[in-house]
């Protein structure tokens, strides 16, 4: 079941991010192990550190430079770069939706995801890293259930979609 409010979404993503940090810390010594576990850890842990921690922590800097470019440099060039970035993401998302035989109707929300959801995730990741560095214990923050998980989208072979209960 998906979160039904921004607060629930925040708590869920915070729990996930903090849990990823805990798992990385717990398995940090696996990098020195010999054999399959060590080989896996030497690939997985740096990957998680880079893509789940470092780059998301640095991403707001890119947004600040983009905003600076719009306000104090050439706004046409800055907006053009952002639009190219948006088109590349739209093409990737459209390809993924086509592979899953989904409708492309959901693509309209992608620009909002770039502006709103990314900012939310920056703050969640910062909160998670600060909490982990200070040793704060995470409360579970159980999610309120709305009962909407019973309605699932089913993709039929002919490409039609229906709701089932």
N, C-alpha and C. Protein backbone atom coordinates (compact mmCIF):
# COMPACT_ATOMS: atom_id res chain seq x y z
N UNK A 1 0.85 -1.18 0.00
CA UNK A 1 0.00 0.00 0.00
C UNK A 1 0.89 1.24 0.00
N UNK A 2 0.53 2.20 -0.81
CA UNK A 2 1.33 3.42 -0.93
C UNK A 2 0.94 4.44 0.13
N UNK A 3 1.87 5.30 0.52
CA UNK A 3 1.53 6.35 1.48
C UNK A 3 0.46 7.28 0.90
N UNK A 4 -0.45 7.72 1.75
CA UNK A 4 -1.54 8.58 1.27
C UNK A 4 -1.35 10.04 1.63
N UNK A 5 -0.27 10.37 2.33
CA UNK A 5 -0.01 11.77 2.66
C UNK A 5 1.49 12.02 2.54
N UNK A 6 1.83 13.29 2.48
CA UNK A 6 3.24 13.67 2.39
C UNK A 6 4.00 13.24 3.64
N UNK A 7 3.36 13.34 4.79
CA UNK A 7 3.98 12.92 6.05
C UNK A 7 4.30 11.42 6.04
N UNK A 8 3.35 10.61 5.55
CA UNK A 8 3.58 9.16 5.48
C UNK A 8 4.69 8.85 4.48
N UNK A 9 4.70 9.56 3.35
CA UNK A 9 5.75 9.35 2.36
C UNK A 9 7.12 9.68 2.97
N UNK A 10 7.20 10.81 3.68
CA UNK A 10 8.45 11.22 4.34
C UNK A 10 8.92 10.13 5.29
N UNK A 11 8.02 9.67 6.14
CA UNK A 11 8.41 8.67 7.14
C UNK A 11 8.84 7.37 6.48
N UNK A 12 8.14 6.95 5.42
CA UNK A 12 8.50 5.72 4.73
C UNK A 12 9.89 5.84 4.11
N UNK A 13 10.14 6.93 3.40
CA UNK A 13 11.43 7.10 2.73
C UNK A 13 12.56 7.28 3.75
N UNK A 14 12.26 7.94 4.85
CA UNK A 14 13.25 8.08 5.92
C UNK A 14 13.61 6.71 6.49
N UNK A 15 12.61 5.89 6.73
CA UNK A 15 12.84 4.53 7.24
C UNK A 15 13.69 3.74 6.26
N UNK A 16 13.38 3.83 4.96
CA UNK A 16 14.12 3.09 3.95
C UNK A 16 15.57 3.58 3.86
N UNK A 17 15.76 4.88 3.84
CA UNK A 17 17.11 5.44 3.72
C UNK A 17 17.94 5.11 4.96
N UNK A 18 17.36 5.28 6.13
CA UNK A 18 18.06 4.98 7.37
C UNK A 18 18.39 3.48 7.43
N UNK A 19 17.47 2.65 7.00
CA UNK A 19 17.72 1.21 6.96
C UNK A 19 18.85 0.84 6.02
N UNK A 20 18.94 1.52 4.88
CA UNK A 20 20.04 1.29 3.95
C UNK A 20 21.37 1.65 4.61
N UNK A 21 21.39 2.78 5.31
CA UNK A 21 22.62 3.18 6.02
C UNK A 21 22.99 2.16 7.10
N UNK A 22 22.00 1.67 7.83
CA UNK A 22 22.26 0.66 8.86
C UNK A 22 22.81 -0.62 8.24
N UNK A 23 22.24 -1.05 7.12
CA UNK A 23 22.71 -2.27 6.47
C UNK A 23 24.14 -2.10 5.95
N UNK A 24 24.43 -0.93 5.40
CA UNK A 24 25.80 -0.66 4.94
C UNK A 24 26.78 -0.72 6.10
N UNK A 25 26.41 -0.12 7.21
CA UNK A 25 27.30 -0.11 8.39
C UNK A 25 27.47 -1.52 8.95
N UNK A 26 26.38 -2.26 9.00
CA UNK A 26 26.43 -3.62 9.56
C UNK A 26 27.35 -4.52 8.74
N UNK A 27 27.34 -4.36 7.43
CA UNK A 27 28.08 -5.26 6.55
C UNK A 27 29.39 -4.65 6.04
N UNK A 28 29.88 -3.59 6.65
CA UNK A 28 31.08 -2.92 6.17
C UNK A 28 32.31 -3.82 6.18
N UNK A 29 32.39 -4.74 7.10
CA UNK A 29 33.57 -5.63 7.18
C UNK A 29 33.56 -6.70 6.08
N UNK A 30 32.43 -6.90 5.45
CA UNK A 30 32.35 -7.91 4.39
C UNK A 30 33.24 -7.55 3.20
N UNK A 31 33.62 -6.29 3.08
CA UNK A 31 34.49 -5.86 1.99
C UNK A 31 35.83 -6.58 2.06
N UNK A 32 36.30 -6.92 3.26
CA UNK A 32 37.60 -7.58 3.43
C UNK A 32 37.51 -9.10 3.34
N UNK A 33 36.31 -9.64 3.24
CA UNK A 33 36.16 -11.10 3.19
C UNK A 33 36.63 -11.64 1.85
N UNK A 34 37.03 -12.90 1.89
CA UNK A 34 37.44 -13.58 0.67
C UNK A 34 36.23 -14.39 0.18
N UNK A 35 36.15 -14.62 -1.09
CA UNK A 35 35.07 -15.43 -1.63
C UNK A 35 33.92 -14.59 -2.16
N UNK A 36 32.80 -15.26 -2.43
CA UNK A 36 31.66 -14.58 -3.05
C UNK A 36 31.10 -13.42 -2.22
N UNK A 37 31.04 -13.58 -0.89
CA UNK A 37 30.50 -12.51 -0.05
C UNK A 37 31.37 -11.27 -0.14
N UNK A 38 32.67 -11.44 -0.14
CA UNK A 38 33.58 -10.30 -0.25
C UNK A 38 33.49 -9.63 -1.61
N UNK A 39 33.43 -10.45 -2.67
CA UNK A 39 33.31 -9.88 -4.01
C UNK A 39 32.01 -9.09 -4.15
N UNK A 40 30.93 -9.64 -3.61
CA UNK A 40 29.65 -8.94 -3.65
C UNK A 40 29.72 -7.63 -2.87
N UNK A 41 30.30 -7.68 -1.68
CA UNK A 41 30.39 -6.48 -0.84
C UNK A 41 31.25 -5.41 -1.49
N UNK A 42 32.34 -5.82 -2.16
CA UNK A 42 33.21 -4.84 -2.80
C UNK A 42 32.53 -4.15 -3.98
N UNK A 43 31.49 -4.75 -4.51
CA UNK A 43 30.71 -4.11 -5.57
C UNK A 43 29.51 -3.36 -5.00
N UNK A 44 28.78 -4.00 -4.11
CA UNK A 44 27.51 -3.44 -3.63
C UNK A 44 27.68 -2.26 -2.69
N UNK A 45 28.59 -2.35 -1.73
CA UNK A 45 28.71 -1.27 -0.75
C UNK A 45 29.20 0.05 -1.36
N UNK A 46 30.22 0.04 -2.22
CA UNK A 46 30.57 1.32 -2.87
C UNK A 46 29.44 1.86 -3.75
N UNK A 47 28.73 0.96 -4.42
CA UNK A 47 27.59 1.37 -5.24
C UNK A 47 26.54 2.07 -4.37
N UNK A 48 26.19 1.45 -3.25
CA UNK A 48 25.21 2.05 -2.34
C UNK A 48 25.72 3.38 -1.79
N UNK A 49 26.99 3.41 -1.41
CA UNK A 49 27.56 4.65 -0.87
C UNK A 49 27.49 5.77 -1.91
N UNK A 50 27.81 5.45 -3.15
CA UNK A 50 27.81 6.47 -4.20
C UNK A 50 26.39 6.91 -4.56
N UNK A 51 25.53 5.94 -4.90
CA UNK A 51 24.22 6.28 -5.46
C UNK A 51 23.12 6.50 -4.43
N UNK A 52 23.27 5.98 -3.22
CA UNK A 52 22.24 6.16 -2.20
C UNK A 52 22.61 7.23 -1.17
N UNK A 53 23.89 7.59 -1.10
CA UNK A 53 24.31 8.56 -0.08
C UNK A 53 25.02 9.76 -0.71
N UNK A 54 26.17 9.54 -1.34
CA UNK A 54 27.01 10.66 -1.79
C UNK A 54 26.33 11.52 -2.86
N UNK A 55 25.89 10.91 -3.95
CA UNK A 55 25.28 11.71 -5.01
C UNK A 55 24.00 12.41 -4.56
N UNK A 56 23.11 11.74 -3.83
CA UNK A 56 21.94 12.49 -3.34
C UNK A 56 22.29 13.63 -2.39
N UNK A 57 23.38 13.50 -1.64
CA UNK A 57 23.80 14.61 -0.77
C UNK A 57 24.39 15.76 -1.58
N UNK A 58 25.00 15.45 -2.72
CA UNK A 58 25.59 16.49 -3.57
C UNK A 58 24.60 17.07 -4.57
N UNK A 59 23.50 16.40 -4.81
CA UNK A 59 22.54 16.83 -5.83
C UNK A 59 21.98 18.24 -5.59
N UNK A 60 21.73 18.67 -4.37
CA UNK A 60 21.23 20.04 -4.20
C UNK A 60 22.20 21.10 -4.72
N UNK A 61 23.49 20.79 -4.73
CA UNK A 61 24.48 21.73 -5.26
C UNK A 61 24.23 21.96 -6.75
N UNK A 62 23.90 20.90 -7.46
CA UNK A 62 23.59 21.01 -8.89
C UNK A 62 22.38 21.92 -9.08
N UNK A 63 21.37 21.77 -8.25
CA UNK A 63 20.19 22.62 -8.35
C UNK A 63 20.52 24.08 -8.05
N UNK A 64 21.40 24.32 -7.08
CA UNK A 64 21.81 25.69 -6.76
C UNK A 64 22.54 26.31 -7.95
N UNK A 65 23.43 25.55 -8.59
CA UNK A 65 24.13 26.06 -9.77
C UNK A 65 23.15 26.32 -10.92
N UNK A 66 22.16 25.46 -11.08
CA UNK A 66 21.16 25.67 -12.13
C UNK A 66 20.37 26.94 -11.86
N UNK A 67 19.96 27.15 -10.63
CA UNK A 67 19.24 28.36 -10.27
C UNK A 67 20.13 29.59 -10.47
N UNK A 68 21.38 29.48 -10.09
CA UNK A 68 22.34 30.57 -10.31
C UNK A 68 22.44 30.89 -11.81
N UNK A 69 22.51 29.83 -12.63
CA UNK A 69 22.60 30.02 -14.08
C UNK A 69 21.39 30.74 -14.64
N UNK A 70 20.22 30.43 -14.13
CA UNK A 70 18.99 31.08 -14.60
C UNK A 70 18.96 32.54 -14.16
N UNK A 71 19.38 32.81 -12.93
CA UNK A 71 19.27 34.17 -12.39
C UNK A 71 20.41 35.10 -12.81
N UNK A 72 21.65 34.58 -12.86
CA UNK A 72 22.80 35.47 -13.05
C UNK A 72 23.61 35.20 -14.32
N UNK A 73 23.39 34.10 -14.98
CA UNK A 73 24.12 33.80 -16.22
C UNK A 73 23.11 33.84 -17.37
N UNK A 74 23.31 33.01 -18.35
CA UNK A 74 22.42 32.97 -19.51
C UNK A 74 21.21 32.09 -19.19
N UNK A 75 20.04 32.69 -18.93
CA UNK A 75 18.87 31.88 -18.56
C UNK A 75 18.41 30.96 -19.68
N UNK A 76 18.57 31.38 -20.93
CA UNK A 76 18.14 30.55 -22.05
C UNK A 76 18.96 29.26 -22.10
N UNK A 77 20.26 29.39 -21.92
CA UNK A 77 21.12 28.21 -21.93
C UNK A 77 20.82 27.30 -20.74
N UNK A 78 20.64 27.88 -19.56
CA UNK A 78 20.35 27.08 -18.36
C UNK A 78 19.03 26.34 -18.49
N UNK A 79 18.01 27.03 -18.97
CA UNK A 79 16.70 26.39 -19.15
C UNK A 79 16.78 25.35 -20.26
N UNK A 80 17.57 25.64 -21.30
CA UNK A 80 17.76 24.67 -22.38
C UNK A 80 18.39 23.37 -21.89
N UNK A 81 19.40 23.49 -21.04
CA UNK A 81 20.05 22.30 -20.47
C UNK A 81 19.05 21.52 -19.63
N UNK A 82 18.24 22.24 -18.83
CA UNK A 82 17.24 21.57 -18.00
C UNK A 82 16.21 20.85 -18.87
N UNK A 83 15.80 21.49 -19.98
CA UNK A 83 14.82 20.85 -20.87
C UNK A 83 15.40 19.61 -21.55
N UNK A 84 16.67 19.67 -21.94
CA UNK A 84 17.32 18.48 -22.52
C UNK A 84 17.35 17.36 -21.48
N UNK A 85 17.70 17.69 -20.25
CA UNK A 85 17.71 16.71 -19.16
C UNK A 85 16.31 16.12 -18.97
N UNK A 86 15.29 16.97 -19.02
CA UNK A 86 13.91 16.51 -18.88
C UNK A 86 13.52 15.58 -20.03
N UNK A 87 13.89 15.92 -21.25
CA UNK A 87 13.56 15.08 -22.41
C UNK A 87 14.24 13.72 -22.31
N UNK A 88 15.50 13.70 -21.88
CA UNK A 88 16.21 12.42 -21.72
C UNK A 88 15.49 11.56 -20.68
N UNK A 89 15.08 12.17 -19.57
CA UNK A 89 14.35 11.41 -18.55
C UNK A 89 12.98 10.96 -19.07
N UNK A 90 12.30 11.80 -19.82
CA UNK A 90 11.01 11.42 -20.39
C UNK A 90 11.15 10.24 -21.35
N UNK A 91 12.20 10.26 -22.17
CA UNK A 91 12.42 9.15 -23.09
C UNK A 91 12.71 7.85 -22.34
N UNK A 92 13.54 7.93 -21.31
CA UNK A 92 13.83 6.74 -20.50
C UNK A 92 12.59 6.21 -19.80
N UNK A 93 11.78 7.11 -19.25
CA UNK A 93 10.55 6.70 -18.57
C UNK A 93 9.55 6.12 -19.57
N UNK A 94 9.44 6.73 -20.75
CA UNK A 94 8.52 6.22 -21.77
C UNK A 94 8.94 4.82 -22.21
N UNK A 95 10.23 4.62 -22.38
CA UNK A 95 10.74 3.30 -22.76
C UNK A 95 10.40 2.27 -21.68
N UNK A 96 10.61 2.62 -20.41
CA UNK A 96 10.30 1.71 -19.30
C UNK A 96 8.81 1.39 -19.26
N UNK A 97 7.97 2.39 -19.46
CA UNK A 97 6.52 2.15 -19.46
C UNK A 97 6.11 1.26 -20.63
N UNK A 98 6.71 1.47 -21.79
CA UNK A 98 6.41 0.61 -22.95
C UNK A 98 6.84 -0.83 -22.70
N UNK A 99 8.00 -1.01 -22.07
CA UNK A 99 8.45 -2.37 -21.77
C UNK A 99 7.46 -3.10 -20.87
N UNK A 100 6.84 -2.36 -19.95
CA UNK A 100 5.86 -2.94 -19.04
C UNK A 100 4.44 -2.90 -19.60
N UNK A 101 4.31 -2.46 -20.85
CA UNK A 101 3.00 -2.36 -21.50
C UNK A 101 2.03 -1.48 -20.70
N UNK A 102 2.57 -0.40 -20.15
CA UNK A 102 1.78 0.58 -19.41
C UNK A 102 1.46 1.76 -20.31
N UNK A 103 0.46 2.51 -19.94
CA UNK A 103 0.11 3.72 -20.68
C UNK A 103 1.12 4.82 -20.39
N UNK A 104 1.31 5.69 -21.36
CA UNK A 104 2.26 6.79 -21.21
C UNK A 104 1.65 7.98 -20.48
N UNK A 105 0.42 7.84 -20.05
CA UNK A 105 -0.29 8.93 -19.40
C UNK A 105 0.43 9.43 -18.15
N UNK A 106 1.16 8.59 -17.48
CA UNK A 106 1.83 8.97 -16.23
C UNK A 106 3.02 9.92 -16.46
N UNK A 107 3.45 10.07 -17.69
CA UNK A 107 4.63 10.90 -17.97
C UNK A 107 4.42 12.38 -17.65
N UNK A 108 3.19 12.83 -17.62
CA UNK A 108 2.93 14.25 -17.34
C UNK A 108 3.46 14.65 -15.96
N UNK A 109 3.56 13.70 -15.04
CA UNK A 109 3.98 14.01 -13.67
C UNK A 109 5.50 14.10 -13.52
N UNK A 110 6.25 13.70 -14.52
CA UNK A 110 7.71 13.68 -14.40
C UNK A 110 8.32 15.05 -14.08
N UNK A 111 7.90 16.14 -14.72
CA UNK A 111 8.48 17.44 -14.34
C UNK A 111 8.23 17.78 -12.86
N UNK A 112 7.07 17.43 -12.34
CA UNK A 112 6.78 17.67 -10.93
C UNK A 112 7.69 16.81 -10.04
N UNK A 113 7.97 15.60 -10.50
CA UNK A 113 8.87 14.73 -9.75
C UNK A 113 10.25 15.36 -9.66
N UNK A 114 10.69 15.98 -10.73
CA UNK A 114 12.01 16.61 -10.73
C UNK A 114 12.07 17.81 -9.80
N UNK A 115 10.95 18.50 -9.65
CA UNK A 115 10.95 19.71 -8.84
C UNK A 115 10.58 19.43 -7.39
N UNK A 116 9.56 18.62 -7.14
CA UNK A 116 9.04 18.43 -5.79
C UNK A 116 9.64 17.20 -5.11
N UNK A 117 9.53 16.03 -5.73
CA UNK A 117 9.95 14.79 -5.09
C UNK A 117 11.45 14.78 -4.81
N UNK A 118 12.24 15.29 -5.76
CA UNK A 118 13.69 15.32 -5.55
C UNK A 118 14.06 16.15 -4.34
N UNK A 119 13.40 17.30 -4.18
CA UNK A 119 13.69 18.16 -3.03
C UNK A 119 13.34 17.44 -1.73
N UNK A 120 12.21 16.75 -1.73
CA UNK A 120 11.80 15.98 -0.56
C UNK A 120 12.85 14.93 -0.22
N UNK A 121 13.32 14.22 -1.24
CA UNK A 121 14.31 13.17 -1.00
C UNK A 121 15.65 13.74 -0.53
N UNK A 122 16.04 14.93 -1.00
CA UNK A 122 17.26 15.55 -0.49
C UNK A 122 17.16 15.69 1.02
N UNK A 123 16.05 16.24 1.47
CA UNK A 123 15.87 16.48 2.90
C UNK A 123 15.80 15.18 3.69
N UNK A 124 15.15 14.17 3.14
CA UNK A 124 15.06 12.86 3.81
C UNK A 124 16.45 12.25 3.95
N UNK A 125 17.25 12.32 2.90
CA UNK A 125 18.60 11.74 2.95
C UNK A 125 19.48 12.50 3.93
N UNK A 126 19.37 13.82 3.92
CA UNK A 126 20.14 14.62 4.87
C UNK A 126 19.74 14.26 6.30
N UNK A 127 18.43 14.15 6.56
CA UNK A 127 17.96 13.78 7.90
C UNK A 127 18.48 12.39 8.28
N UNK A 128 18.45 11.45 7.35
CA UNK A 128 18.91 10.09 7.64
C UNK A 128 20.40 10.05 7.97
N UNK A 129 21.20 10.75 7.18
CA UNK A 129 22.65 10.76 7.40
C UNK A 129 22.98 11.44 8.72
N UNK A 130 22.34 12.57 9.01
CA UNK A 130 22.59 13.27 10.27
C UNK A 130 22.17 12.39 11.45
N UNK A 131 21.02 11.74 11.34
CA UNK A 131 20.56 10.83 12.40
C UNK A 131 21.54 9.69 12.62
N UNK A 132 22.04 9.13 11.51
CA UNK A 132 23.00 8.02 11.63
C UNK A 132 24.31 8.50 12.25
N UNK A 133 24.79 9.67 11.85
CA UNK A 133 26.05 10.18 12.39
C UNK A 133 25.96 10.49 13.88
N UNK A 134 24.80 10.96 14.32
CA UNK A 134 24.61 11.26 15.74
C UNK A 134 24.13 10.05 16.54
N UNK A 135 23.91 8.93 15.87
CA UNK A 135 23.49 7.71 16.56
C UNK A 135 22.06 7.73 17.04
N UNK A 136 21.23 8.53 16.41
CA UNK A 136 19.82 8.62 16.80
C UNK A 136 19.12 7.31 16.45
N UNK A 137 18.35 6.81 17.39
CA UNK A 137 17.59 5.59 17.13
C UNK A 137 16.33 5.95 16.38
N UNK A 138 16.03 5.17 15.36
CA UNK A 138 14.87 5.43 14.51
C UNK A 138 13.62 4.82 15.10
N UNK A 139 12.59 5.64 15.25
CA UNK A 139 11.28 5.09 15.62
C UNK A 139 10.65 4.54 14.35
N UNK A 140 9.78 3.56 14.50
CA UNK A 140 9.26 2.87 13.33
C UNK A 140 8.29 3.72 12.52
N UNK A 141 7.49 4.57 13.11
CA UNK A 141 6.52 5.40 12.40
C UNK A 141 5.59 4.56 11.53
N UNK A 142 4.81 3.73 12.17
CA UNK A 142 3.91 2.85 11.44
C UNK A 142 2.96 3.67 10.57
N UNK A 143 2.73 3.21 9.35
CA UNK A 143 1.92 3.94 8.39
C UNK A 143 0.43 3.66 8.61
N UNK A 144 -0.39 4.71 8.47
CA UNK A 144 -1.84 4.55 8.51
C UNK A 144 -2.27 3.80 7.25
N UNK A 145 -3.10 2.82 7.41
CA UNK A 145 -3.59 2.05 6.26
C UNK A 145 -4.93 2.61 5.80
N UNK A 146 -5.09 2.73 4.49
CA UNK A 146 -6.33 3.26 3.96
C UNK A 146 -7.21 2.18 3.35
N UNK A 147 -6.66 0.98 3.18
CA UNK A 147 -7.44 -0.12 2.61
C UNK A 147 -7.49 -0.10 1.10
N UNK A 148 -6.66 0.72 0.45
CA UNK A 148 -6.69 0.80 -1.01
C UNK A 148 -5.80 -0.23 -1.68
N UNK A 149 -5.07 -1.02 -0.91
CA UNK A 149 -4.18 -2.01 -1.51
C UNK A 149 -4.94 -3.17 -2.13
N UNK A 150 -6.20 -3.34 -1.79
CA UNK A 150 -6.99 -4.43 -2.35
C UNK A 150 -7.30 -4.24 -3.82
N UNK A 151 -7.26 -3.00 -4.28
CA UNK A 151 -7.50 -2.72 -5.69
C UNK A 151 -6.17 -2.72 -6.41
N UNK A 152 -5.94 -3.74 -7.22
CA UNK A 152 -4.67 -3.85 -7.93
C UNK A 152 -4.92 -3.74 -9.42
N UNK A 153 -3.97 -3.11 -10.11
CA UNK A 153 -4.06 -3.01 -11.56
C UNK A 153 -3.53 -4.31 -12.15
N UNK A 154 -4.28 -4.88 -13.05
CA UNK A 154 -3.86 -6.11 -13.71
C UNK A 154 -3.72 -5.81 -15.20
N UNK A 155 -2.55 -6.15 -15.76
CA UNK A 155 -2.34 -5.96 -17.18
C UNK A 155 -2.72 -7.25 -17.87
N UNK A 156 -3.73 -7.15 -18.73
CA UNK A 156 -4.18 -8.33 -19.47
C UNK A 156 -3.33 -8.49 -20.72
N UNK A 157 -3.25 -9.69 -21.28
CA UNK A 157 -2.40 -9.93 -22.44
C UNK A 157 -2.68 -9.01 -23.62
N UNK A 158 -3.93 -8.61 -23.81
CA UNK A 158 -4.27 -7.76 -24.95
C UNK A 158 -3.89 -6.30 -24.70
N UNK A 159 -3.31 -6.00 -23.53
CA UNK A 159 -2.91 -4.65 -23.22
C UNK A 159 -3.97 -3.85 -22.49
N UNK A 160 -5.16 -4.44 -22.28
CA UNK A 160 -6.21 -3.75 -21.53
C UNK A 160 -5.90 -3.90 -20.06
N UNK A 161 -6.32 -2.92 -19.29
CA UNK A 161 -6.10 -2.98 -17.86
C UNK A 161 -7.44 -2.98 -17.15
N UNK A 162 -7.50 -3.70 -16.05
CA UNK A 162 -8.73 -3.73 -15.27
C UNK A 162 -8.38 -3.68 -13.79
N UNK A 163 -9.38 -3.39 -12.99
CA UNK A 163 -9.20 -3.39 -11.54
C UNK A 163 -9.77 -4.68 -10.99
N UNK A 164 -9.08 -5.25 -10.02
CA UNK A 164 -9.62 -6.43 -9.35
C UNK A 164 -9.60 -6.18 -7.87
N UNK A 165 -10.50 -6.83 -7.17
CA UNK A 165 -10.55 -6.70 -5.71
C UNK A 165 -10.23 -8.02 -5.08
